[in-house]
Amino acid sequence: MARVPSALVAATGLVGGYGVARWTKKRPLGGVALAAAGALAAREWERRAGGKVAVVLSGAYVAAFAGSHPLAKKVGAWPSVFAVAGVVGAASWVVADRRGK
């Protein structure tokens, strides 16, 4: 069975977490979606590229979430979320997914 790229999981987690929080008006529910996708992505990062890479990419995932908030004040919420999701997705693909394990 083909695996979903961890880059897609991570980017979708950031976008989906925000979307769930916004549309349900329940921020904790968005946090659950964000955390679940982050945990799944971290497991794949560890499997594909090792523990150190998983820690670094997990840190980038959390930093992207945190950094999207001040960025949103400058460019708007959705553009900010898409920007940080794109950065994390690209980093994930370069570091873990393109190896094809």
C-alpha atoms as a PDB file:
ATOM      1  CA  MET A   1       0.000   0.000   0.000  1.00  0.00           C
ATOM      2  CA  ALA A   2       1.360   3.434  -0.938  1.00  0.00           C
ATOM      3  CA  ARG A   3       2.195   5.783   1.894  1.00  0.00           C
ATOM      4  CA  VAL A   4       0.994   9.351   2.024  1.00  0.00           C
ATOM      5  CA  PRO A   5       3.982  11.713   1.904  1.00  0.00           C
ATOM      6  CA  SER A   6       4.800  13.179   5.304  1.00  0.00           C
ATOM      7  CA  ALA A   7       5.025  16.591   3.655  1.00  0.00           C
ATOM      8  CA  LEU A   8       1.356  16.343   2.736  1.00  0.00           C
ATOM      9  CA  VAL A   9       0.406  15.205   6.242  1.00  0.00           C
ATOM     10  CA  ALA A  10       2.306  18.085   7.872  1.00  0.00           C
ATOM     11  CA  ALA A  11       0.979  20.775   5.540  1.00  0.00           C
ATOM     12  CA  THR A  12      -2.557  19.428   5.802  1.00  0.00           C
ATOM     13  CA  GLY A  13      -2.267  19.353   9.591  1.00  0.00           C
ATOM     14  CA  LEU A  14      -1.443  23.047   9.728  1.00  0.00           C
ATOM     15  CA  VAL A  15      -4.159  24.046   7.266  1.00  0.00           C
ATOM     16  CA  GLY A  16      -6.701  21.583   8.638  1.00  0.00           C
ATOM     17  CA  GLY A  17      -6.050  22.499  12.258  1.00  0.00           C
ATOM     18  CA  TYR A  18      -6.722  26.152  11.516  1.00  0.00           C
ATOM     19  CA  GLY A  19      -9.750  25.328   9.378  1.00  0.00           C
ATOM     20  CA  VAL A  20     -11.306  23.123  12.044  1.00  0.00           C
ATOM     21  CA  ALA A  21     -10.731  25.768  14.729  1.00  0.00           C
ATOM     22  CA  ARG A  22     -12.157  28.524  12.565  1.00  0.00           C
ATOM     23  CA  TRP A  23     -15.212  26.702  11.239  1.00  0.00           C
ATOM     24  CA  THR A  24     -16.226  25.011  14.477  1.00  0.00           C
ATOM     25  CA  LYS A  25     -15.298  28.039  16.602  1.00  0.00           C
ATOM     26  CA  LYS A  26     -13.650  25.545  18.964  1.00  0.00           C
ATOM     27  CA  ARG A  27      -9.927  26.188  19.134  1.00  0.00           C
ATOM     28  CA  PRO A  28      -9.188  23.031  21.162  1.00  0.00           C
ATOM     29  CA  LEU A  29     -10.744  20.922  18.417  1.00  0.00           C
ATOM     30  CA  GLY A  30      -8.427  22.559  15.894  1.00  0.00           C
ATOM     31  CA  GLY A  31      -5.551  21.807  18.251  1.00  0.00           C
ATOM     32  CA  VAL A  32      -6.513  18.142  18.275  1.00  0.00           C
ATOM     33  CA  ALA A  33      -6.415  18.049  14.470  1.00  0.00           C
ATOM     34  CA  LEU A  34      -3.091  19.907  14.430  1.00  0.00           C
ATOM     35  CA  ALA A  35      -1.554  17.586  17.035  1.00  0.00           C
ATOM     36  CA  ALA A  36      -2.836  14.391  15.414  1.00  0.00           C
ATOM     37  CA  ALA A  37      -1.366  15.314  12.039  1.00  0.00           C
ATOM     38  CA  GLY A  38       1.863  16.435  13.689  1.00  0.00           C
ATOM     39  CA  ALA A  39       2.195  13.129  15.528  1.00  0.00           C
ATOM     40  CA  LEU A  40       1.556  11.145  12.349  1.00  0.00           C
ATOM     41  CA  ALA A  41       4.060  13.247  10.409  1.00  0.00           C
ATOM     42  CA  ALA A  42       6.657  12.878  13.187  1.00  0.00           C
ATOM     43  CA  ARG A  43       6.268   9.110  13.134  1.00  0.00           C
ATOM     44  CA  GLU A  44       6.869   9.095   9.380  1.00  0.00           C
ATOM     45  CA  TRP A  45       9.829  11.477   9.665  1.00  0.00           C
ATOM     46  CA  GLU A  46      11.410   9.172  12.217  1.00  0.00           C
ATOM     47  CA  ARG A  47      10.771   6.112  10.082  1.00  0.00           C
ATOM     48  CA  ARG A  48      12.078   7.689   6.890  1.00  0.00           C
ATOM     49  CA  ALA A  49      14.949   9.857   8.069  1.00  0.00           C
ATOM     50  CA  GLY A  50      15.738   9.031  11.704  1.00  0.00           C
ATOM     51  CA  GLY A  51      15.128  10.472  15.130  1.00  0.00           C
ATOM     52  CA  LYS A  52      17.229  13.622  14.825  1.00  0.00           C
ATOM     53  CA  VAL A  53      15.452  14.653  11.649  1.00  0.00           C
ATOM     54  CA  ALA A  54      12.075  13.918  13.262  1.00  0.00           C
ATOM     55  CA  VAL A  55      12.941  16.197  16.188  1.00  0.00           C
ATOM     56  CA  VAL A  56      14.077  19.013  13.883  1.00  0.00           C
ATOM     57  CA  LEU A  57      11.029  18.756  11.616  1.00  0.00           C
ATOM     58  CA  SER A  58       8.695  18.507  14.620  1.00  0.00           C
ATOM     59  CA  GLY A  59      10.278  21.691  15.947  1.00  0.00           C
ATOM     60  CA  ALA A  60       9.718  23.332  12.574  1.00  0.00           C
ATOM     61  CA  TYR A  61       6.068  22.212  12.654  1.00  0.00           C
ATOM     62  CA  VAL A  62       5.522  23.771  16.085  1.00  0.00           C
ATOM     63  CA  ALA A  63       7.462  26.901  15.112  1.00  0.00           C
ATOM     64  CA  ALA A  64       5.338  27.238  11.971  1.00  0.00           C
ATOM     65  CA  PHE A  65       2.174  27.059  14.045  1.00  0.00           C
ATOM     66  CA  ALA A  66       3.492  29.683  16.468  1.00  0.00           C
ATOM     67  CA  GLY A  67       4.937  31.849  13.707  1.00  0.00           C
ATOM     68  CA  SER A  68       1.716  31.886  11.742  1.00  0.00           C
ATOM     69  CA  HIS A  69       0.093  34.030  14.419  1.00  0.00           C
ATOM     70  CA  PRO A  70       2.304  37.142  14.125  1.00  0.00           C
ATOM     71  CA  LEU A  71       2.536  36.646  10.362  1.00  0.00           C
ATOM     72  CA  ALA A  72      -1.279  36.665  10.181  1.00  0.00           C
ATOM     73  CA  LYS A  73      -1.301  40.194  11.586  1.00  0.00           C
ATOM     74  CA  LYS A  74       0.711  41.315   8.575  1.00  0.00           C
ATOM     75  CA  VAL A  75      -0.727  39.274   5.689  1.00  0.00           C
ATOM     76  CA  GLY A  76      -4.006  37.807   6.963  1.00  0.00           C
ATOM     77  CA  ALA A  77      -4.915  34.496   8.545  1.00  0.00           C
ATOM     78  CA  TRP A  78      -5.323  32.206   5.537  1.00  0.00           C
ATOM     79  CA  PRO A  79      -2.282  33.519   3.636  1.00  0.00           C
ATOM     80  CA  SER A  80      -0.218  33.050   6.776  1.00  0.00           C
ATOM     81  CA  VAL A  81      -1.418  29.491   7.323  1.00  0.00           C
ATOM     82  CA  PHE A  82      -0.787  28.561   3.693  1.00  0.00           C
ATOM     83  CA  ALA A  83       2.689  30.132   3.802  1.00  0.00           C
ATOM     84  CA  VAL A  84       3.849  28.258   6.892  1.00  0.00           C
ATOM     85  CA  ALA A  85       2.249  25.031   5.662  1.00  0.00           C
ATOM     86  CA  GLY A  86       4.152  25.402   2.405  1.00  0.00           C
ATOM     87  CA  VAL A  87       7.449  25.951   4.191  1.00  0.00           C
ATOM     88  CA  VAL A  88       6.982  22.937   6.475  1.00  0.00           C
ATOM     89  CA  GLY A  89       5.754  20.786   3.602  1.00  0.00           C
ATOM     90  CA  ALA A  90       8.725  21.727   1.444  1.00  0.00           C
ATOM     91  CA  ALA A  91      11.196  21.093   4.266  1.00  0.00           C
ATOM     92  CA  SER A  92       9.591  17.747   4.983  1.00  0.00           C
ATOM     93  CA  TRP A  93       9.744  16.697   1.369  1.00  0.00           C
ATOM     94  CA  VAL A  94      13.382  17.742   0.969  1.00  0.00           C
ATOM     95  CA  VAL A  95      14.592  16.140   4.181  1.00  0.00           C
ATOM     96  CA  ALA A  96      12.408  13.028   4.466  1.00  0.00           C
ATOM     97  CA  ASP A  97      10.097  12.256   1.550  1.00  0.00           C
ATOM     98  CA  ARG A  98      12.298  12.514  -1.511  1.00  0.00           C
ATOM     99  CA  ARG A  99      14.420   9.649  -0.234  1.00  0.00           C
ATOM    100  CA  GLY A 100      11.512   7.357  -1.097  1.00  0.00           C
ATOM    101  CA  LYS A 101      11.798   4.960   1.854  1.00  0.00           C
END
